[in-house]
Amino acid sequence: LGMASTSSRYADFVKHADRAALHVRLDGVW
């Protein structure tokens, strides 16, 4: 499908500079 940025390996995820961080609310702030 040409899904060049898709992987089932965490190591591939962290290699991407353009990646989203995970966020939780602490004292009302993401």
PDB file of all heavy atoms in Angstrom:
ATOM      1  N   LEU A   1       0.811  -1.218   0.000  1.00  0.00           N
ATOM      2  CA  LEU A   1       0.000   0.000   0.000  1.00  0.00           C
ATOM      3  C   LEU A   1       0.843   1.267   0.000  1.00  0.00           C
ATOM      4  O   LEU A   1       0.296   2.368   0.015  1.00  0.00           O
ATOM      5  CB  LEU A   1      -0.935   0.016   1.211  1.00  0.00           C
ATOM      6  CG  LEU A   1      -2.042  -1.038   1.257  1.00  0.00           C
ATOM      7  CD1 LEU A   1      -2.963  -0.790   2.442  1.00  0.00           C
ATOM      8  CD2 LEU A   1      -2.848  -1.055  -0.029  1.00  0.00           C
ATOM      9  N   GLY A   2       2.164   1.128   0.004  1.00  0.00           N
ATOM     10  CA  GLY A   2       3.024   2.307   0.048  1.00  0.00           C
ATOM     11  C   GLY A   2       2.991   3.002   1.395  1.00  0.00           C
ATOM     12  O   GLY A   2       3.235   4.219   1.472  1.00  0.00           O
ATOM     13  N   MET A   3       2.722   2.249   2.461  1.00  0.00           N
ATOM     14  CA  MET A   3       2.654   2.821   3.806  1.00  0.00           C
ATOM     15  C   MET A   3       4.074   2.881   4.382  1.00  0.00           C
ATOM     16  O   MET A   3       4.437   2.168   5.314  1.00  0.00           O
ATOM     17  CB  MET A   3       1.720   1.987   4.682  1.00  0.00           C
ATOM     18  CG  MET A   3       0.283   1.953   4.161  1.00  0.00           C
ATOM     19  SD  MET A   3      -0.774   0.735   5.001  1.00  0.00           S
ATOM     20  CE  MET A   3      -0.934   1.448   6.645  1.00  0.00           C
ATOM     21  N   ALA A   4       4.862   3.787   3.833  1.00  0.00           N
ATOM     22  CA  ALA A   4       6.298   3.805   4.101  1.00  0.00           C
ATOM     23  C   ALA A   4       6.638   4.194   5.532  1.00  0.00           C
ATOM     24  O   ALA A   4       7.733   3.877   6.018  1.00  0.00           O
ATOM     25  CB  ALA A   4       6.985   4.765   3.131  1.00  0.00           C
ATOM     26  N   SER A   5       5.730   4.877   6.216  1.00  0.00           N
ATOM     27  CA  SER A   5       6.009   5.325   7.583  1.00  0.00           C
ATOM     28  C   SER A   5       5.344   4.444   8.630  1.00  0.00           C
ATOM     29  O   SER A   5       5.347   4.791   9.811  1.00  0.00           O
ATOM     30  CB  SER A   5       5.543   6.776   7.765  1.00  0.00           C
ATOM     31  OG  SER A   5       6.260   7.650   6.918  1.00  0.00           O
ATOM     32  N   THR A   6       4.796   3.311   8.217  1.00  0.00           N
ATOM     33  CA  THR A   6       4.057   2.428   9.116  1.00  0.00           C
ATOM     34  C   THR A   6       4.911   1.229   9.493  1.00  0.00           C
ATOM     35  O   THR A   6       5.606   0.661   8.650  1.00  0.00           O
ATOM     36  CB  THR A   6       2.758   1.959   8.453  1.00  0.00           C
ATOM     37  OG1 THR A   6       1.975   3.105   8.117  1.00  0.00           O
ATOM     38  CG2 THR A   6       1.952   1.057   9.379  1.00  0.00           C
ATOM     39  N   SER A   7       4.855   0.845  10.760  1.00  0.00           N
ATOM     40  CA  SER A   7       5.643  -0.282  11.235  1.00  0.00           C
ATOM     41  C   SER A   7       4.970  -0.919  12.433  1.00  0.00           C
ATOM     42  O   SER A   7       4.166  -0.295  13.135  1.00  0.00           O
ATOM     43  CB  SER A   7       7.048   0.184  11.629  1.00  0.00           C
ATOM     44  OG  SER A   7       7.807  -0.886  12.190  1.00  0.00           O
ATOM     45  N   SER A   8       5.325  -2.181  12.690  1.00  0.00           N
ATOM     46  CA  SER A   8       4.904  -2.868  13.902  1.00  0.00           C
ATOM     47  C   SER A   8       6.071  -3.015  14.879  1.00  0.00           C
ATOM     48  O   SER A   8       6.021  -3.849  15.783  1.00  0.00           O
ATOM     49  CB  SER A   8       4.331  -4.251  13.556  1.00  0.00           C
ATOM     50  OG  SER A   8       3.161  -4.126  12.784  1.00  0.00           O
ATOM     51  N   ARG A   9       7.100  -2.208  14.696  1.00  0.00           N
ATOM     52  CA  ARG A   9       8.272  -2.218  15.584  1.00  0.00           C
ATOM     53  C   ARG A   9       8.426  -0.857  16.244  1.00  0.00           C
ATOM     54  O   ARG A   9       8.462   0.175  15.569  1.00  0.00           O
ATOM     55  CB  ARG A   9       9.544  -2.535  14.807  1.00  0.00           C
ATOM     56  CG  ARG A   9       9.567  -3.869  14.075  1.00  0.00           C
ATOM     57  CD  ARG A   9      10.885  -4.023  13.334  1.00  0.00           C
ATOM     58  NE  ARG A   9      10.969  -5.263  12.576  1.00  0.00           N
ATOM     59  CZ  ARG A   9      10.575  -5.394  11.297  1.00  0.00           C
ATOM     60  NH1 ARG A   9      10.050  -4.338  10.664  1.00  0.00           N
ATOM     61  NH2 ARG A   9      10.698  -6.535  10.674  1.00  0.00           N
ATOM     62  N   TYR A  10       8.578  -0.858  17.556  1.00  0.00           N
ATOM     63  CA  TYR A  10       8.771   0.398  18.280  1.00  0.00           C
ATOM     64  C   TYR A  10      10.069   1.081  17.846  1.00  0.00           C
ATOM     65  O   TYR A  10      10.128   2.321  17.752  1.00  0.00           O
ATOM     66  CB  TYR A  10       8.792   0.126  19.779  1.00  0.00           C
ATOM     67  CG  TYR A  10       8.966   1.365  20.628  1.00  0.00           C
ATOM     68  CD1 TYR A  10       7.941   2.296  20.747  1.00  0.00           C
ATOM     69  CD2 TYR A  10      10.156   1.591  21.321  1.00  0.00           C
ATOM     70  CE1 TYR A  10       8.086   3.430  21.533  1.00  0.00           C
ATOM     71  CE2 TYR A  10      10.312   2.725  22.114  1.00  0.00           C
ATOM     72  CZ  TYR A  10       9.281   3.646  22.210  1.00  0.00           C
ATOM     73  OH  TYR A  10       9.439   4.765  22.984  1.00  0.00           O
ATOM     74  N   ALA A  11      11.102   0.309  17.553  1.00  0.00           N
ATOM     75  CA  ALA A  11      12.381   0.895  17.136  1.00  0.00           C
ATOM     76  C   ALA A  11      12.214   1.730  15.878  1.00  0.00           C
ATOM     77  O   ALA A  11      12.893   2.760  15.707  1.00  0.00           O
ATOM     78  CB  ALA A  11      13.419  -0.208  16.912  1.00  0.00           C
ATOM     79  N   ASP A  12      11.330   1.325  14.980  1.00  0.00           N
ATOM     80  CA  ASP A  12      11.085   2.109  13.766  1.00  0.00           C
ATOM     81  C   ASP A  12      10.362   3.406  14.107  1.00  0.00           C
ATOM     82  O   ASP A  12      10.633   4.453  13.515  1.00  0.00           O
ATOM     83  CB  ASP A  12      10.256   1.299  12.768  1.00  0.00           C
ATOM     84  CG  ASP A  12      11.036   0.129  12.187  1.00  0.00           C
ATOM     85  OD1 ASP A  12      12.285   0.163  12.212  1.00  0.00           O
ATOM     86  OD2 ASP A  12      10.390  -0.826  11.720  1.00  0.00           O
ATOM     87  N   PHE A  13       9.440   3.343  15.061  1.00  0.00           N
ATOM     88  CA  PHE A  13       8.727   4.560  15.475  1.00  0.00           C
ATOM     89  C   PHE A  13       9.697   5.613  15.989  1.00  0.00           C
ATOM     90  O   PHE A  13       9.630   6.784  15.595  1.00  0.00           O
ATOM     91  CB  PHE A  13       7.683   4.215  16.540  1.00  0.00           C
ATOM     92  CG  PHE A  13       7.095   5.416  17.225  1.00  0.00           C
ATOM     93  CD1 PHE A  13       6.231   6.265  16.555  1.00  0.00           C
ATOM     94  CD2 PHE A  13       7.409   5.702  18.555  1.00  0.00           C
ATOM     95  CE1 PHE A  13       5.694   7.380  17.182  1.00  0.00           C
ATOM     96  CE2 PHE A  13       6.874   6.805  19.189  1.00  0.00           C
ATOM     97  CZ  PHE A  13       6.017   7.653  18.495  1.00  0.00           C
ATOM     98  N   VAL A  14      10.595   5.223  16.882  1.00  0.00           N
ATOM     99  CA  VAL A  14      11.470   6.231  17.499  1.00  0.00           C
ATOM    100  C   VAL A  14      12.536   6.735  16.544  1.00  0.00           C
ATOM    101  O   VAL A  14      13.176   7.760  16.816  1.00  0.00           O
ATOM    102  CB  VAL A  14      12.110   5.694  18.804  1.00  0.00           C
ATOM    103  CG1 VAL A  14      11.046   5.385  19.834  1.00  0.00           C
ATOM    104  CG2 VAL A  14      12.970   4.473  18.538  1.00  0.00           C
ATOM    105  N   LYS A  15      12.724   6.075  15.411  1.00  0.00           N
ATOM    106  CA  LYS A  15      13.666   6.581  14.402  1.00  0.00           C
ATOM    107  C   LYS A  15      13.127   7.804  13.671  1.00  0.00           C
ATOM    108  O   LYS A  15      13.894   8.570  13.085  1.00  0.00           O
ATOM    109  CB  LYS A  15      13.987   5.484  13.377  1.00  0.00           C
ATOM    110  CG  LYS A  15      14.896   4.383  13.891  1.00  0.00           C
ATOM    111  CD  LYS A  15      15.089   3.331  12.808  1.00  0.00           C
ATOM    112  CE  LYS A  15      15.924   2.152  13.324  1.00  0.00           C
ATOM    113  NZ  LYS A  15      16.025   1.080  12.283  1.00  0.00           N
ATOM    114  N   HIS A  16      11.813   7.975  13.668  1.00  0.00           N
ATOM    115  CA  HIS A  16      11.205   9.093  12.947  1.00  0.00           C
ATOM    116  C   HIS A  16      11.382  10.384  13.731  1.00  0.00           C
ATOM    117  O   HIS A  16      10.967  10.482  14.888  1.00  0.00           O
ATOM    118  CB  HIS A  16       9.715   8.847  12.717  1.00  0.00           C
ATOM    119  CG  HIS A  16       9.409   7.773  11.730  1.00  0.00           C
ATOM    120  ND1 HIS A  16       9.469   7.971  10.369  1.00  0.00           N
ATOM    121  CD2 HIS A  16       9.041   6.484  11.906  1.00  0.00           C
ATOM    122  CE1 HIS A  16       9.147   6.846   9.749  1.00  0.00           C
ATOM    123  NE2 HIS A  16       8.885   5.930  10.653  1.00  0.00           N
ATOM    124  N   ALA A  17      11.961  11.383  13.092  1.00  0.00           N
ATOM    125  CA  ALA A  17      12.025  12.705  13.731  1.00  0.00           C
ATOM    126  C   ALA A  17      10.635  13.312  13.828  1.00  0.00           C
ATOM    127  O   ALA A  17      10.305  13.987  14.812  1.00  0.00           O
ATOM    128  CB  ALA A  17      12.957  13.622  12.946  1.00  0.00           C
ATOM    129  N   ASP A  18       9.810  13.062  12.802  1.00  0.00           N
ATOM    130  CA  ASP A  18       8.449  13.599  12.764  1.00  0.00           C
ATOM    131  C   ASP A  18       7.503  12.613  13.434  1.00  0.00           C
ATOM    132  O   ASP A  18       6.773  11.866  12.784  1.00  0.00           O
ATOM    133  CB  ASP A  18       8.042  13.849  11.309  1.00  0.00           C
ATOM    134  CG  ASP A  18       6.684  14.535  11.188  1.00  0.00           C
ATOM    135  OD1 ASP A  18       6.083  14.853  12.236  1.00  0.00           O
ATOM    136  OD2 ASP A  18       6.229  14.743  10.047  1.00  0.00           O
ATOM    137  N   ARG A  19       7.532  12.579  14.763  1.00  0.00           N
ATOM    138  CA  ARG A  19       6.668  11.667  15.513  1.00  0.00           C
ATOM    139  C   ARG A  19       5.991  12.417  16.647  1.00  0.00           C
ATOM    140  O   ARG A  19       6.514  13.407  17.167  1.00  0.00           O
ATOM    141  CB  ARG A  19       7.451  10.480  16.057  1.00  0.00           C
ATOM    142  CG  ARG A  19       8.453  10.800  17.142  1.00  0.00           C
ATOM    143  CD  ARG A  19       9.153   9.526  17.633  1.00  0.00           C
ATOM    144  NE  ARG A  19      10.009   9.796  18.783  1.00  0.00           N
ATOM    145  CZ  ARG A  19      11.279  10.141  18.729  1.00  0.00           C
ATOM    146  NH1 ARG A  19      11.880  10.273  17.545  1.00  0.00           N
ATOM    147  NH2 ARG A  19      11.973  10.353  19.829  1.00  0.00           N
ATOM    148  N   ALA A  20       4.814  11.929  17.014  1.00  0.00           N
ATOM    149  CA  ALA A  20       4.020  12.561  18.063  1.00  0.00           C
ATOM    150  C   ALA A  20       4.387  11.978  19.416  1.00  0.00           C
ATOM    151  O   ALA A  20       4.495  10.759  19.573  1.00  0.00           O
ATOM    152  CB  ALA A  20       2.535  12.356  17.791  1.00  0.00           C
ATOM    153  N   ALA A  21       4.575  12.851  20.404  1.00  0.00           N
ATOM    154  CA  ALA A  21       4.796  12.411  21.774  1.00  0.00           C
ATOM    155  C   ALA A  21       3.467  12.037  22.416  1.00  0.00           C
ATOM    156  O   ALA A  21       2.395  12.466  21.975  1.00  0.00           O
ATOM    157  CB  ALA A  21       5.468  13.524  22.577  1.00  0.00           C
ATOM    158  N   LEU A  22       3.536  11.224  23.448  1.00  0.00           N
ATOM    159  CA  LEU A  22       2.362  10.874  24.238  1.00  0.00           C
ATOM    160  C   LEU A  22       2.170  11.907  25.334  1.00  0.00           C
ATOM    161  O   LEU A  22       3.142  12.358  25.947  1.00  0.00           O
ATOM    162  CB  LEU A  22       2.537   9.491  24.869  1.00  0.00           C
ATOM    163  CG  LEU A  22       2.821   8.321  23.919  1.00  0.00           C
ATOM    164  CD1 LEU A  22       3.068   7.047  24.712  1.00  0.00           C
ATOM    165  CD2 LEU A  22       1.687   8.132  22.931  1.00  0.00           C
ATOM    166  N   HIS A  23       0.909  12.276  25.591  1.00  0.00           N
ATOM    167  CA  HIS A  23       0.618  13.313  26.590  1.00  0.00           C
ATOM    168  C   HIS A  23      -0.444  12.864  27.582  1.00  0.00           C
ATOM    169  O   HIS A  23      -1.435  12.232  27.194  1.00  0.00           O
ATOM    170  CB  HIS A  23       0.114  14.594  25.911  1.00  0.00           C
ATOM    171  CG  HIS A  23       1.112  15.279  25.046  1.00  0.00           C
ATOM    172  ND1 HIS A  23       1.384  14.853  23.757  1.00  0.00           N
ATOM    173  CD2 HIS A  23       1.898  16.366  25.272  1.00  0.00           C
ATOM    174  CE1 HIS A  23       2.297  15.660  23.227  1.00  0.00           C
ATOM    175  NE2 HIS A  23       2.626  16.576  24.119  1.00  0.00           N
ATOM    176  N   VAL A  24      -0.229  13.221  28.847  1.00  0.00           N
ATOM    177  CA  VAL A  24      -1.245  13.081  29.892  1.00  0.00           C
ATOM    178  C   VAL A  24      -1.413  14.444  30.557  1.00  0.00           C
ATOM    179  O   VAL A  24      -0.535  15.312  30.454  1.00  0.00           O
ATOM    180  CB  VAL A  24      -0.849  12.023  30.939  1.00  0.00           C
ATOM    181  CG1 VAL A  24      -0.832  10.642  30.320  1.00  0.00           C
ATOM    182  CG2 VAL A  24       0.512  12.346  31.560  1.00  0.00           C
ATOM    183  N   ARG A  25      -2.543  14.631  31.221  1.00  0.00           N
ATOM    184  CA  ARG A  25      -2.769  15.900  31.920  1.00  0.00           C
ATOM    185  C   ARG A  25      -2.140  15.855  33.322  1.00  0.00           C
ATOM    186  O   ARG A  25      -2.419  14.955  34.105  1.00  0.00           O
ATOM    187  CB  ARG A  25      -4.267  16.175  32.058  1.00  0.00           C
ATOM    188  CG  ARG A  25      -4.901  16.744  30.802  1.00  0.00           C
ATOM    189  CD  ARG A  25      -6.237  17.383  31.128  1.00  0.00           C
ATOM    190  NE  ARG A  25      -6.971  17.783  29.956  1.00  0.00           N
ATOM    191  CZ  ARG A  25      -6.799  18.933  29.313  1.00  0.00           C
ATOM    192  NH1 ARG A  25      -5.889  19.801  29.764  1.00  0.00           N
ATOM    193  NH2 ARG A  25      -7.524  19.223  28.259  1.00  0.00           N
ATOM    194  N   LEU A  26      -1.294  16.824  33.600  1.00  0.00           N
ATOM    195  CA  LEU A  26      -0.740  17.005  34.934  1.00  0.00           C
ATOM    196  C   LEU A  26      -1.090  18.410  35.384  1.00  0.00           C
ATOM    197  O   LEU A  26      -0.699  19.389  34.738  1.00  0.00           O
ATOM    198  CB  LEU A  26       0.781  16.806  34.925  1.00  0.00           C
ATOM    199  CG  LEU A  26       1.283  15.384  34.620  1.00  0.00           C
ATOM    200  CD1 LEU A  26       2.802  15.348  34.600  1.00  0.00           C
ATOM    201  CD2 LEU A  26       0.743  14.391  35.642  1.00  0.00           C
ATOM    202  N   ASP A  27      -1.842  18.487  36.469  1.00  0.00           N
ATOM    203  CA  ASP A  27      -2.300  19.786  36.965  1.00  0.00           C
ATOM    204  C   ASP A  27      -2.999  20.589  35.867  1.00  0.00           C
ATOM    205  O   ASP A  27      -2.823  21.803  35.747  1.00  0.00           O
ATOM    206  CB  ASP A  27      -1.130  20.585  37.544  1.00  0.00           C
ATOM    207  CG  ASP A  27      -0.480  19.877  38.723  1.00  0.00           C
ATOM    208  OD1 ASP A  27      -1.227  19.264  39.512  1.00  0.00           O
ATOM    209  OD2 ASP A  27       0.755  19.928  38.841  1.00  0.00           O
ATOM    210  N   GLY A  28      -3.777  19.866  35.035  1.00  0.00           N
ATOM    211  CA  GLY A  28      -4.561  20.518  33.994  1.00  0.00           C
ATOM    212  C   GLY A  28      -3.809  20.863  32.730  1.00  0.00           C
ATOM    213  O   GLY A  28      -4.388  21.462  31.818  1.00  0.00           O
ATOM    214  N   VAL A  29      -2.536  20.469  32.636  1.00  0.00           N
ATOM    215  CA  VAL A  29      -1.710  20.834  31.481  1.00  0.00           C
ATOM    216  C   VAL A  29      -1.263  19.565  30.766  1.00  0.00           C
ATOM    217  O   VAL A  29      -0.784  18.611  31.402  1.00  0.00           O
ATOM    218  CB  VAL A  29      -0.473  21.644  31.932  1.00  0.00           C
ATOM    219  CG1 VAL A  29       0.423  21.963  30.737  1.00  0.00           C
ATOM    220  CG2 VAL A  29      -0.906  22.928  32.634  1.00  0.00           C
ATOM    221  N   TRP A  30      -1.406  19.544  29.435  1.00  0.00           N
ATOM    222  CA  TRP A  30      -0.923  18.406  28.666  1.00  0.00           C
ATOM    223  C   TRP A  30       0.602  18.343  28.762  1.00  0.00           C
ATOM    224  O   TRP A  30       1.295  19.306  28.458  1.00  0.00           O
ATOM    225  CB  TRP A  30      -1.321  18.508  27.203  1.00  0.00           C
ATOM    226  CG  TRP A  30      -2.783  18.282  26.934  1.00  0.00           C
ATOM    227  CD1 TRP A  30      -3.653  19.161  26.373  1.00  0.00           C
ATOM    228  CD2 TRP A  30      -3.535  17.093  27.197  1.00  0.00           C
ATOM    229  NE1 TRP A  30      -4.905  18.610  26.277  1.00  0.00           N
ATOM    230  CE2 TRP A  30      -4.866  17.338  26.773  1.00  0.00           C
ATOM    231  CE3 TRP A  30      -3.223  15.857  27.757  1.00  0.00           C
ATOM    232  CZ2 TRP A  30      -5.875  16.384  26.888  1.00  0.00           C
ATOM    233  CZ3 TRP A  30      -4.239  14.909  27.877  1.00  0.00           C
ATOM    234  CH2 TRP A  30      -5.536  15.163  27.445  1.00  0.00           C
TER     235      TRP A  30
END
